Amino acid sequence: MEIKNLKAGPEHKGMRCDVFIAQQSGLSRSAVQRLMELGQARLNGAVVGKKEFIQPGDQAELRLPDPKPAQAQPQQIPLDIVYEDQDVVVVNKPKGMVVHPSAGNEEGTLVNALLAHCGDSLSGIGGETRPGIVHRIDKDTSGLLIVAKNDGAHQALAAQLADHSLYREYEAVVLGNLKDDQGTVDAPIGRSQKDRKKMAVVGREGRRAVTHYQVLERYPGYTYVQCRLETGRTHQIRVHMASIGHPIAGDPLYGNRGDRSGLSSQCLHARRLSFRHPQDGREMTLECPLPLEFVEFLRKLRRSAGVEDEGGE
């Protein structure tokens, strides 16, 4: 069980206890209230209710019960398999699909689909809810994801991820006109202190994050770019591009009010993947086409710029 100890300062005087604990712990207010109902919150040593108020110097304690791992269940969900053998399977994940089960997303995930497709042939290193998962991509980001079918493959691919030899290339449309045709964002990423649902460039307390980008096409108000991950932090490309003033078009979390793209979510796609096969070491490079919404948005931008569309992508 994790215990969070929180001390109130003068600025917290008169604040409701549930609001104070939520603010200081990084949990949602509803989550804190549920824990209070279970008797997991204390104020100055006594069990506390949500409507009590804070005074400077108060000591709050929040107890977080250990999560109960849930066994992911197989589900017959169609998969776009780009490559598969006895060691790995590479999937073109559609936008809107969560990678592994979590609270609120227990079903319909990529893991549920993989369990049905692969049966018992998935690495157990990731645990019951993440079998075979070496890396992941956001729910509303589409594209290539490699999955290990045994522990040896998982360890080999994880090593490539750690030494940055597992090559991951994305394509995106960002807001604005990038000044340079190529560049690198080398800025540490961590949890945002202003919004716990978001990541941010946070300085020394963050984890090192490096994204290389190259301009593919330019249009009025938008730039079509290729991004290569050197590291793999949560929301890395979205955070890095937003940090330099060019958020991903359609991004509901890191975008801005100037976005008139009309997209349903971020225009970001994991296009290419290169790795050494874990069994024989041969170099493999795989790619997948852009999703329809991405293609149609590019066509719209090309028409607005008076550029002849080349068809397809």
C-alpha atoms as a PDB file:
ATOM      1  CA  MET A   1       0.000   0.000   0.000  1.00  0.00           C
ATOM      2  CA  GLU A   2       1.290   3.450  -0.931  1.00  0.00           C
ATOM      3  CA  ILE A   3       0.842   6.243   1.630  1.00  0.00           C
ATOM      4  CA  LYS A   4       0.944   9.908   0.663  1.00  0.00           C
ATOM      5  CA  ASN A   5       1.691  12.401   3.458  1.00  0.00           C
ATOM      6  CA  LEU A   6       0.567  15.943   2.721  1.00  0.00           C
ATOM      7  CA  LYS A   7       1.188  19.063   4.808  1.00  0.00           C
ATOM      8  CA  ALA A   8      -0.998  22.139   4.518  1.00  0.00           C
ATOM      9  CA  GLY A   9       0.540  25.592   4.221  1.00  0.00           C
ATOM     10  CA  PRO A  10      -0.925  29.055   4.857  1.00  0.00           C
ATOM     11  CA  GLU A  11      -2.216  29.180   1.277  1.00  0.00           C
ATOM     12  CA  HIS A  12      -4.483  26.174   1.949  1.00  0.00           C
ATOM     13  CA  LYS A  13      -6.437  27.746   4.842  1.00  0.00           C
ATOM     14  CA  GLY A  14     -10.173  27.159   4.495  1.00  0.00           C
ATOM     15  CA  MET A  15      -9.824  24.733   1.566  1.00  0.00           C
ATOM     16  CA  ARG A  16     -12.097  21.695   1.544  1.00  0.00           C
ATOM     17  CA  CYS A  17     -10.199  18.577   2.540  1.00  0.00           C
ATOM     18  CA  ASP A  18     -11.028  16.594  -0.613  1.00  0.00           C
ATOM     19  CA  VAL A  19      -9.942  19.508  -2.799  1.00  0.00           C
ATOM     20  CA  PHE A  20      -6.672  19.887  -0.863  1.00  0.00           C
ATOM     21  CA  ILE A  21      -5.809  16.176  -1.032  1.00  0.00           C
ATOM     22  CA  ALA A  22      -6.664  15.963  -4.733  1.00  0.00           C
ATOM     23  CA  GLN A  23      -4.564  19.016  -5.520  1.00  0.00           C
ATOM     24  CA  GLN A  24      -1.565  17.828  -3.544  1.00  0.00           C
ATOM     25  CA  SER A  25      -1.699  14.128  -4.469  1.00  0.00           C
ATOM     26  CA  GLY A  26      -2.296  14.497  -8.212  1.00  0.00           C
ATOM     27  CA  LEU A  27      -5.409  12.294  -8.063  1.00  0.00           C
ATOM     28  CA  SER A  28      -8.809  13.352  -9.319  1.00  0.00           C
ATOM     29  CA  ARG A  29     -11.249  14.760  -6.781  1.00  0.00           C
ATOM     30  CA  SER A  30     -13.694  11.913  -7.420  1.00  0.00           C
ATOM     31  CA  ALA A  31     -10.934   9.348  -6.788  1.00  0.00           C
ATOM     32  CA  VAL A  32     -10.047  11.046  -3.498  1.00  0.00           C
ATOM     33  CA  GLN A  33     -13.708  11.087  -2.453  1.00  0.00           C
ATOM     34  CA  ARG A  34     -14.006   7.346  -3.144  1.00  0.00           C
ATOM     35  CA  LEU A  35     -10.954   6.699  -0.969  1.00  0.00           C
ATOM     36  CA  MET A  36     -12.435   8.893   1.759  1.00  0.00           C
ATOM     37  CA  GLU A  37     -15.623   6.811   1.697  1.00  0.00           C
ATOM     38  CA  LEU A  38     -13.460   3.727   2.252  1.00  0.00           C
ATOM     39  CA  GLY A  39     -11.754   5.349   5.244  1.00  0.00           C
ATOM     40  CA  GLN A  40      -8.412   5.696   3.438  1.00  0.00           C
ATOM     41  CA  ALA A  41      -7.936   9.424   4.196  1.00  0.00           C
ATOM     42  CA  ARG A  42      -6.902  10.899   7.526  1.00  0.00           C
ATOM     43  CA  LEU A  43      -6.437  14.412   8.849  1.00  0.00           C
ATOM     44  CA  ASN A  44      -4.127  14.821  11.817  1.00  0.00           C
ATOM     45  CA  GLY A  45      -4.443  11.077  12.453  1.00  0.00           C
ATOM     46  CA  ALA A  46      -8.250  10.845  12.343  1.00  0.00           C
ATOM     47  CA  VAL A  47     -10.439   9.554   9.510  1.00  0.00           C
ATOM     48  CA  VAL A  48     -11.719  12.580   7.618  1.00  0.00           C
ATOM     49  CA  GLY A  49     -14.745  13.404   5.472  1.00  0.00           C
ATOM     50  CA  LYS A  50     -14.718  15.367   2.257  1.00  0.00           C
ATOM     51  CA  LYS A  51     -16.493  18.417   3.663  1.00  0.00           C
ATOM     52  CA  GLU A  52     -14.047  19.148   6.451  1.00  0.00           C
ATOM     53  CA  PHE A  53     -11.773  22.137   6.012  1.00  0.00           C
ATOM     54  CA  ILE A  54      -8.035  22.587   6.096  1.00  0.00           C
ATOM     55  CA  GLN A  55      -6.006  24.798   8.434  1.00  0.00           C
ATOM     56  CA  PRO A  56      -2.302  25.702   8.043  1.00  0.00           C
ATOM     57  CA  GLY A  57      -0.100  23.007   9.560  1.00  0.00           C
ATOM     58  CA  ASP A  58      -2.640  20.204   9.145  1.00  0.00           C
ATOM     59  CA  GLN A  59      -1.187  16.831   8.244  1.00  0.00           C
ATOM     60  CA  ALA A  60      -3.214  14.771   5.779  1.00  0.00           C
ATOM     61  CA  GLU A  61      -2.583  11.153   4.942  1.00  0.00           C
ATOM     62  CA  LEU A  62      -3.945   9.309   1.918  1.00  0.00           C
ATOM     63  CA  ARG A  63      -3.645   5.531   1.659  1.00  0.00           C
ATOM     64  CA  LEU A  64      -3.651   4.034  -1.816  1.00  0.00           C
ATOM     65  CA  PRO A  65      -4.527   0.307  -1.810  1.00  0.00           C
ATOM     66  CA  ASP A  66      -2.428  -1.885  -4.063  1.00  0.00           C
ATOM     67  CA  PRO A  67      -4.144  -2.331  -7.438  1.00  0.00           C
ATOM     68  CA  LYS A  68      -5.618  -5.743  -8.106  1.00  0.00           C
ATOM     69  CA  PRO A  69      -4.260  -7.044 -11.414  1.00  0.00           C
ATOM     70  CA  ALA A  70      -7.006  -8.137 -13.772  1.00  0.00           C
ATOM     71  CA  GLN A  71      -6.589 -10.968 -16.215  1.00  0.00           C
ATOM     72  CA  ALA A  72      -7.167  -9.584 -19.697  1.00  0.00           C
ATOM     73  CA  GLN A  73      -9.705 -11.623 -21.632  1.00  0.00           C
ATOM     74  CA  PRO A  74      -9.441 -12.676 -25.302  1.00  0.00           C
ATOM     75  CA  GLN A  75     -11.829 -10.909 -27.654  1.00  0.00           C
ATOM     76  CA  GLN A  76     -12.394 -11.568 -31.332  1.00  0.00           C
ATOM     77  CA  ILE A  77     -11.470  -8.136 -32.706  1.00  0.00           C
ATOM     78  CA  PRO A  78     -10.129  -7.762 -36.271  1.00  0.00           C
ATOM     79  CA  LEU A  79      -6.441  -6.871 -36.438  1.00  0.00           C
ATOM     80  CA  ASP A  80      -4.433  -5.357 -39.288  1.00  0.00           C
ATOM     81  CA  ILE A  81      -1.373  -7.625 -39.136  1.00  0.00           C
ATOM     82  CA  VAL A  82       1.571  -6.161 -41.058  1.00  0.00           C
ATOM     83  CA  TYR A  83       4.025  -8.939 -40.167  1.00  0.00           C
ATOM     84  CA  GLU A  84       3.984 -12.064 -38.022  1.00  0.00           C
ATOM     85  CA  ASP A  85       6.229 -15.038 -37.268  1.00  0.00           C
ATOM     86  CA  GLN A  86       6.874 -17.278 -34.257  1.00  0.00           C
ATOM     87  CA  ASP A  87       8.647 -14.479 -32.344  1.00  0.00           C
ATOM     88  CA  VAL A  88       6.920 -11.194 -33.156  1.00  0.00           C
ATOM     89  CA  VAL A  89       3.736  -9.722 -34.526  1.00  0.00           C
ATOM     90  CA  VAL A  90       3.578  -6.179 -35.900  1.00  0.00           C
ATOM     91  CA  VAL A  91       0.158  -4.554 -35.924  1.00  0.00           C
ATOM     92  CA  ASN A  92      -1.179  -1.417 -37.595  1.00  0.00           C
ATOM     93  CA  LYS A  93      -3.229  -0.122 -34.657  1.00  0.00           C
ATOM     94  CA  PRO A  94      -6.274   1.936 -35.619  1.00  0.00           C
ATOM     95  CA  LYS A  95      -7.070   5.295 -34.086  1.00  0.00           C
ATOM     96  CA  GLY A  96      -9.378   4.913 -31.098  1.00  0.00           C
ATOM     97  CA  MET A  97      -8.016   1.566 -29.859  1.00  0.00           C
ATOM     98  CA  VAL A  98      -6.379   1.471 -26.423  1.00  0.00           C
ATOM     99  CA  VAL A  99      -3.252  -0.703 -26.268  1.00  0.00           C
ATOM    100  CA  HIS A 100      -3.704  -2.469 -22.924  1.00  0.00           C
ATOM    101  CA  PRO A 101      -6.571  -2.792 -20.415  1.00  0.00           C
ATOM    102  CA  SER A 102      -6.826  -0.248 -17.621  1.00  0.00           C
ATOM    103  CA  ALA A 103      -9.501   1.261 -15.406  1.00  0.00           C
ATOM    104  CA  GLY A 104     -12.348   2.294 -17.679  1.00  0.00           C
ATOM    105  CA  ASN A 105     -10.863   0.409 -20.645  1.00  0.00           C
ATOM    106  CA  GLU A 106     -11.084  -3.241 -19.631  1.00  0.00           C
ATOM    107  CA  GLU A 107     -12.331  -4.445 -23.031  1.00  0.00           C
ATOM    108  CA  GLY A 108     -11.819  -3.737 -26.709  1.00  0.00           C
ATOM    109  CA  THR A 109      -8.081  -3.164 -26.330  1.00  0.00           C
ATOM    110  CA  LEU A 110      -5.242  -4.339 -28.532  1.00  0.00           C
ATOM    111  CA  VAL A 111      -4.240  -6.825 -25.825  1.00  0.00           C
ATOM    112  CA  ASN A 112      -7.741  -8.342 -25.819  1.00  0.00           C
ATOM    113  CA  ALA A 113      -7.493  -8.774 -29.582  1.00  0.00           C
ATOM    114  CA  LEU A 114      -3.955 -10.196 -29.431  1.00  0.00           C
ATOM    115  CA  LEU A 115      -4.947 -12.774 -26.820  1.00  0.00           C
ATOM    116  CA  ALA A 116      -7.643 -14.050 -29.161  1.00  0.00           C
ATOM    117  CA  HIS A 117      -5.296 -13.995 -32.157  1.00  0.00           C
ATOM    118  CA  CYS A 118      -2.200 -15.487 -30.515  1.00  0.00           C
ATOM    119  CA  GLY A 119      -3.675 -17.608 -27.732  1.00  0.00           C
ATOM    120  CA  ASP A 120      -0.996 -18.458 -25.171  1.00  0.00           C
ATOM    121  CA  SER A 121       1.766 -17.397 -27.547  1.00  0.00           C
ATOM    122  CA  LEU A 122       2.572 -14.008 -26.021  1.00  0.00           C
ATOM    123  CA  SER A 123       5.436 -12.961 -23.779  1.00  0.00           C
ATOM    124  CA  GLY A 124       4.514 -12.887 -20.094  1.00  0.00           C
ATOM    125  CA  ILE A 125       7.042 -10.198 -19.184  1.00  0.00           C
ATOM    126  CA  GLY A 126       4.474  -7.426 -19.432  1.00  0.00           C
ATOM    127  CA  GLY A 127       2.213  -9.068 -16.833  1.00  0.00           C
ATOM    128  CA  GLU A 128      -1.400 -10.171 -17.027  1.00  0.00           C
ATOM    129  CA  THR A 129      -2.735  -6.943 -18.509  1.00  0.00           C
ATOM    130  CA  ARG A 130       0.168  -6.259 -20.896  1.00  0.00           C
ATOM    131  CA  PRO A 131       1.296  -9.590 -22.352  1.00  0.00           C
ATOM    132  CA  GLY A 132       3.804  -9.118 -25.159  1.00  0.00           C
ATOM    133  CA  ILE A 133       3.643  -5.319 -25.107  1.00  0.00           C
ATOM    134  CA  VAL A 134       7.124  -3.868 -25.686  1.00  0.00           C
ATOM    135  CA  HIS A 135       6.070  -0.272 -26.342  1.00  0.00           C
ATOM    136  CA  ARG A 136       2.762   1.488 -26.860  1.00  0.00           C
ATOM    137  CA  ILE A 137       1.155   4.337 -28.749  1.00  0.00           C
ATOM    138  CA  ASP A 138      -1.657   6.620 -27.637  1.00  0.00           C
ATOM    139  CA  LYS A 139      -5.290   5.642 -28.043  1.00  0.00           C
ATOM    140  CA  ASP A 140      -5.931   8.216 -30.777  1.00  0.00           C
ATOM    141  CA  THR A 141      -2.589   7.784 -32.521  1.00  0.00           C
ATOM    142  CA  SER A 142      -2.620   5.169 -35.270  1.00  0.00           C
ATOM    143  CA  GLY A 143       0.161   3.048 -36.692  1.00  0.00           C
ATOM    144  CA  LEU A 144       2.767   0.361 -36.142  1.00  0.00           C
ATOM    145  CA  LEU A 145       3.336  -1.415 -32.865  1.00  0.00           C
ATOM    146  CA  ILE A 146       5.562  -4.458 -32.327  1.00  0.00           C
ATOM    147  CA  VAL A 147       4.517  -7.217 -29.920  1.00  0.00           C
ATOM    148  CA  ALA A 148       6.688 -10.046 -28.531  1.00  0.00           C
ATOM    149  CA  LYS A 149       5.353 -13.599 -28.693  1.00  0.00           C
ATOM    150  CA  ASN A 150       7.862 -15.052 -26.223  1.00  0.00           C
ATOM    151  CA  ASP A 151      10.067 -13.813 -23.386  1.00  0.00           C
ATOM    152  CA  GLY A 152      13.301 -14.056 -25.371  1.00  0.00           C
ATOM    153  CA  ALA A 153      11.909 -11.832 -28.110  1.00  0.00           C
ATOM    154  CA  HIS A 154      10.573  -9.399 -25.506  1.00  0.00           C
ATOM    155  CA  GLN A 155      13.949  -9.045 -23.815  1.00  0.00           C
ATOM    156  CA  ALA A 156      15.757  -8.564 -27.128  1.00  0.00           C
ATOM    157  CA  LEU A 157      13.306  -5.904 -28.328  1.00  0.00           C
ATOM    158  CA  ALA A 158      13.322  -4.145 -24.957  1.00  0.00           C
ATOM    159  CA  ALA A 159      17.123  -3.930 -25.200  1.00  0.00           C
ATOM    160  CA  GLN A 160      16.814  -2.324 -28.642  1.00  0.00           C
ATOM    161  CA  LEU A 161      14.288   0.125 -27.243  1.00  0.00           C
ATOM    162  CA  ALA A 162      16.703   0.997 -24.428  1.00  0.00           C
ATOM    163  CA  ASP A 163      19.725   1.540 -26.706  1.00  0.00           C
ATOM    164  CA  HIS A 164      17.606   3.492 -29.256  1.00  0.00           C
ATOM    165  CA  SER A 165      18.265   1.052 -32.097  1.00  0.00           C
ATOM    166  CA  LEU A 166      14.561   0.241 -32.460  1.00  0.00           C
ATOM    167  CA  TYR A 167      13.700   2.895 -35.055  1.00  0.00           C
ATOM    168  CA  ARG A 168      10.250   4.507 -34.825  1.00  0.00           C
ATOM    169  CA  GLU A 169       9.207   7.048 -37.415  1.00  0.00           C
ATOM    170  CA  TYR A 170       5.971   9.003 -37.297  1.00  0.00           C
ATOM    171  CA  GLU A 171       4.252  11.400 -39.675  1.00  0.00           C
ATOM    172  CA  ALA A 172       2.156  14.323 -38.513  1.00  0.00           C
ATOM    173  CA  VAL A 173       0.613  17.602 -39.521  1.00  0.00           C
ATOM    174  CA  VAL A 174       1.404  20.430 -37.114  1.00  0.00           C
ATOM    175  CA  LEU A 175      -0.005  23.912 -36.760  1.00  0.00           C
ATOM    176  CA  GLY A 176       1.987  26.815 -38.162  1.00  0.00           C
ATOM    177  CA  ASN A 177       5.014  27.074 -40.392  1.00  0.00           C
ATOM    178  CA  LEU A 178       8.181  25.571 -38.948  1.00  0.00           C
ATOM    179  CA  LYS A 179      11.130  27.892 -39.347  1.00  0.00           C
ATOM    180  CA  ASP A 180      13.694  25.202 -40.210  1.00  0.00           C
ATOM    181  CA  ASP A 181      13.390  22.243 -42.566  1.00  0.00           C
ATOM    182  CA  GLN A 182      14.722  19.918 -39.877  1.00  0.00           C
ATOM    183  CA  GLY A 183      15.614  20.029 -36.237  1.00  0.00           C
ATOM    184  CA  THR A 184      15.774  18.276 -32.886  1.00  0.00           C
ATOM    185  CA  VAL A 185      13.828  18.850 -29.692  1.00  0.00           C
ATOM    186  CA  ASP A 186      15.923  17.682 -26.736  1.00  0.00           C
ATOM    187  CA  ALA A 187      13.829  18.530 -23.687  1.00  0.00           C
ATOM    188  CA  PRO A 188      12.982  16.408 -20.606  1.00  0.00           C
ATOM    189  CA  ILE A 189       9.373  15.353 -20.121  1.00  0.00           C
ATOM    190  CA  GLY A 190       7.447  14.693 -16.915  1.00  0.00           C
ATOM    191  CA  ARG A 191       3.979  14.995 -15.446  1.00  0.00           C
ATOM    192  CA  SER A 192       2.546  18.514 -15.729  1.00  0.00           C
ATOM    193  CA  GLN A 193       2.192  20.288 -12.387  1.00  0.00           C
ATOM    194  CA  LYS A 194      -0.718  22.341 -13.727  1.00  0.00           C
ATOM    195  CA  ASP A 195      -2.762  19.471 -15.158  1.00  0.00           C
ATOM    196  CA  ARG A 196      -2.049  15.930 -13.954  1.00  0.00           C
ATOM    197  CA  LYS A 197      -3.685  14.472 -17.070  1.00  0.00           C
ATOM    198  CA  LYS A 198      -0.976  16.030 -19.220  1.00  0.00           C
ATOM    199  CA  MET A 199       2.751  15.643 -19.710  1.00  0.00           C
ATOM    200  CA  ALA A 200       5.023  18.653 -20.128  1.00  0.00           C
ATOM    201  CA  VAL A 201       8.594  19.818 -20.667  1.00  0.00           C
ATOM    202  CA  VAL A 202       9.523  20.148 -17.003  1.00  0.00           C
ATOM    203  CA  GLY A 203      13.264  20.686 -16.645  1.00  0.00           C
ATOM    204  CA  ARG A 204      15.705  18.644 -14.603  1.00  0.00           C
ATOM    205  CA  GLU A 205      13.042  16.630 -12.795  1.00  0.00           C
ATOM    206  CA  GLY A 206      11.797  15.163 -16.077  1.00  0.00           C
ATOM    207  CA  ARG A 207      13.144  12.208 -18.055  1.00  0.00           C
ATOM    208  CA  ARG A 208      15.358  12.845 -21.063  1.00  0.00           C
ATOM    209  CA  ALA A 209      13.344  12.990 -24.284  1.00  0.00           C
ATOM    210  CA  VAL A 210      14.623  13.544 -27.826  1.00  0.00           C
ATOM    211  CA  THR A 211      12.559  13.965 -30.997  1.00  0.00           C
ATOM    212  CA  HIS A 212      14.050  14.612 -34.459  1.00  0.00           C
ATOM    213  CA  TYR A 213      11.806  16.198 -37.080  1.00  0.00           C
ATOM    214  CA  GLN A 214      11.977  16.939 -40.789  1.00  0.00           C
ATOM    215  CA  VAL A 215       9.583  18.969 -42.924  1.00  0.00           C
ATOM    216  CA  LEU A 216       7.910  17.023 -45.737  1.00  0.00           C
ATOM    217  CA  GLU A 217       5.485  19.641 -47.104  1.00  0.00           C
ATOM    218  CA  ARG A 218       4.399  23.162 -46.223  1.00  0.00           C
ATOM    219  CA  TYR A 219       0.904  24.656 -46.489  1.00  0.00           C
ATOM    220  CA  PRO A 220      -0.713  27.895 -45.289  1.00  0.00           C
ATOM    221  CA  GLY A 221      -1.085  27.500 -41.539  1.00  0.00           C
ATOM    222  CA  TYR A 222       0.184  23.900 -41.423  1.00  0.00           C
ATOM    223  CA  THR A 223       3.344  21.829 -41.897  1.00  0.00           C
ATOM    224  CA  TYR A 224       3.489  18.144 -42.781  1.00  0.00           C
ATOM    225  CA  VAL A 225       6.402  16.606 -40.876  1.00  0.00           C
ATOM    226  CA  GLN A 226       8.234  13.370 -40.246  1.00  0.00           C
ATOM    227  CA  CYS A 227       9.249  12.743 -36.621  1.00  0.00           C
ATOM    228  CA  ARG A 228      11.747  10.173 -35.369  1.00  0.00           C
ATOM    229  CA  LEU A 229      11.793   9.103 -31.751  1.00  0.00           C
ATOM    230  CA  GLU A 230      15.180   8.713 -30.096  1.00  0.00           C
ATOM    231  CA  THR A 231      13.481   8.114 -26.739  1.00  0.00           C
ATOM    232  CA  GLY A 232       9.929   7.044 -26.010  1.00  0.00           C
ATOM    233  CA  ARG A 233       8.199   9.100 -23.330  1.00  0.00           C
ATOM    234  CA  THR A 234       4.443   9.359 -22.849  1.00  0.00           C
ATOM    235  CA  HIS A 235       2.939  11.753 -25.445  1.00  0.00           C
ATOM    236  CA  GLN A 236       6.503  12.660 -26.487  1.00  0.00           C
ATOM    237  CA  ILE A 237       5.915  13.962 -30.021  1.00  0.00           C
ATOM    238  CA  ARG A 238       2.728  15.772 -28.991  1.00  0.00           C
ATOM    239  CA  VAL A 239       4.454  17.479 -26.048  1.00  0.00           C
ATOM    240  CA  HIS A 240       7.638  18.338 -27.941  1.00  0.00           C
ATOM    241  CA  MET A 241       5.921  19.847 -30.974  1.00  0.00           C
ATOM    242  CA  ALA A 242       3.590  21.857 -28.740  1.00  0.00           C
ATOM    243  CA  SER A 243       6.590  23.059 -26.713  1.00  0.00           C
ATOM    244  CA  ILE A 244       8.132  24.696 -29.796  1.00  0.00           C
ATOM    245  CA  GLY A 245       4.842  26.354 -30.735  1.00  0.00           C
ATOM    246  CA  HIS A 246       3.669  23.815 -33.334  1.00  0.00           C
ATOM    247  CA  PRO A 247       1.174  21.405 -31.740  1.00  0.00           C
ATOM    248  CA  ILE A 248      -0.197  18.463 -33.717  1.00  0.00           C
ATOM    249  CA  ALA A 249      -3.285  19.417 -35.735  1.00  0.00           C
ATOM    250  CA  GLY A 250      -6.448  18.145 -34.078  1.00  0.00           C
ATOM    251  CA  ASP A 251      -4.752  17.399 -30.745  1.00  0.00           C
ATOM    252  CA  PRO A 252      -7.431  17.906 -28.045  1.00  0.00           C
ATOM    253  CA  LEU A 253      -4.946  17.853 -25.170  1.00  0.00           C
ATOM    254  CA  TYR A 254      -1.936  19.846 -26.381  1.00  0.00           C
ATOM    255  CA  GLY A 255      -3.450  21.860 -29.241  1.00  0.00           C
ATOM    256  CA  ASN A 256      -4.641  25.437 -29.162  1.00  0.00           C
ATOM    257  CA  ARG A 257      -7.709  27.487 -30.040  1.00  0.00           C
ATOM    258  CA  GLY A 258      -6.224  28.462 -33.376  1.00  0.00           C
ATOM    259  CA  ASP A 259      -6.720  24.947 -34.708  1.00  0.00           C
ATOM    260  CA  ARG A 260      -9.343  25.021 -37.467  1.00  0.00           C
ATOM    261  CA  SER A 261      -8.470  21.621 -38.916  1.00  0.00           C
ATOM    262  CA  GLY A 262     -11.772  19.971 -38.034  1.00  0.00           C
ATOM    263  CA  LEU A 263      -9.965  16.714 -37.250  1.00  0.00           C
ATOM    264  CA  SER A 264     -11.475  14.278 -34.747  1.00  0.00           C
ATOM    265  CA  SER A 265      -8.141  13.874 -32.903  1.00  0.00           C
ATOM    266  CA  GLN A 266      -4.383  14.334 -33.340  1.00  0.00           C
ATOM    267  CA  CYS A 267      -3.086  13.951 -36.897  1.00  0.00           C
ATOM    268  CA  LEU A 268      -0.251  11.614 -35.889  1.00  0.00           C
ATOM    269  CA  HIS A 269       0.610   8.207 -37.355  1.00  0.00           C
ATOM    270  CA  ALA A 270       3.371   5.689 -36.544  1.00  0.00           C
ATOM    271  CA  ARG A 271       4.409   5.136 -40.165  1.00  0.00           C
ATOM    272  CA  ARG A 272       7.652   3.105 -40.100  1.00  0.00           C
ATOM    273  CA  LEU A 273       9.364   0.686 -37.755  1.00  0.00           C
ATOM    274  CA  SER A 274      12.867  -0.824 -38.020  1.00  0.00           C
ATOM    275  CA  PHE A 275      14.400  -3.415 -35.701  1.00  0.00           C
ATOM    276  CA  ARG A 276      16.778  -6.364 -35.552  1.00  0.00           C
ATOM    277  CA  HIS A 277      14.857  -9.604 -35.542  1.00  0.00           C
ATOM    278  CA  PRO A 278      15.218 -11.107 -32.047  1.00  0.00           C
ATOM    279  CA  GLN A 279      15.867 -14.599 -33.409  1.00  0.00           C
ATOM    280  CA  ASP A 280      18.459 -14.146 -36.162  1.00  0.00           C
ATOM    281  CA  GLY A 281      19.405 -10.450 -35.977  1.00  0.00           C
ATOM    282  CA  ARG A 282      18.340  -9.579 -39.512  1.00  0.00           C
ATOM    283  CA  GLU A 283      17.366  -5.957 -40.072  1.00  0.00           C
ATOM    284  CA  MET A 284      13.664  -5.502 -40.673  1.00  0.00           C
ATOM    285  CA  THR A 285      11.847  -2.363 -41.822  1.00  0.00           C
ATOM    286  CA  LEU A 286       8.066  -2.248 -41.976  1.00  0.00           C
ATOM    287  CA  GLU A 287       5.645   0.505 -42.861  1.00  0.00           C
ATOM    288  CA  CYS A 288       1.924   1.036 -43.178  1.00  0.00           C
ATOM    289  CA  PRO A 289      -0.257   3.521 -45.092  1.00  0.00           C
ATOM    290  CA  LEU A 290      -1.672   6.679 -43.625  1.00  0.00           C
ATOM    291  CA  PRO A 291      -5.229   6.378 -42.262  1.00  0.00           C
ATOM    292  CA  LEU A 292      -8.074   7.794 -44.353  1.00  0.00           C
ATOM    293  CA  GLU A 293      -8.677  10.914 -42.237  1.00  0.00           C
ATOM    294  CA  PHE A 294      -4.969  11.815 -42.501  1.00  0.00           C
ATOM    295  CA  VAL A 295      -4.991  11.318 -46.288  1.00  0.00           C
ATOM    296  CA  GLU A 296      -8.152  13.386 -46.724  1.00  0.00           C
ATOM    297  CA  PHE A 297      -6.724  16.193 -44.588  1.00  0.00           C
ATOM    298  CA  LEU A 298      -3.565  16.276 -46.718  1.00  0.00           C
ATOM    299  CA  ARG A 299      -5.709  16.450 -49.862  1.00  0.00           C
ATOM    300  CA  LYS A 300      -7.626  19.354 -48.361  1.00  0.00           C
ATOM    301  CA  LEU A 301      -4.386  21.193 -47.552  1.00  0.00           C
ATOM    302  CA  ARG A 302      -2.988  20.558 -51.024  1.00  0.00           C
ATOM    303  CA  ARG A 303      -6.137  21.869 -52.691  1.00  0.00           C
ATOM    304  CA  SER A 304      -6.120  24.978 -50.507  1.00  0.00           C
ATOM    305  CA  ALA A 305      -2.491  25.594 -51.504  1.00  0.00           C
ATOM    306  CA  GLY A 306      -3.182  25.033 -55.191  1.00  0.00           C
ATOM    307  CA  VAL A 307      -0.963  21.942 -55.223  1.00  0.00           C
ATOM    308  CA  GLU A 308      -1.951  19.097 -57.504  1.00  0.00           C
ATOM    309  CA  ASP A 309      -2.811  16.036 -55.457  1.00  0.00           C
ATOM    310  CA  GLU A 310      -0.657  13.053 -56.386  1.00  0.00           C
ATOM    311  CA  GLY A 311      -3.371  10.543 -55.524  1.00  0.00           C
ATOM    312  CA  GLY A 312      -3.289   7.852 -52.882  1.00  0.00           C
ATOM    313  CA  GLU A 313      -1.332   9.445 -50.058  1.00  0.00           C
END
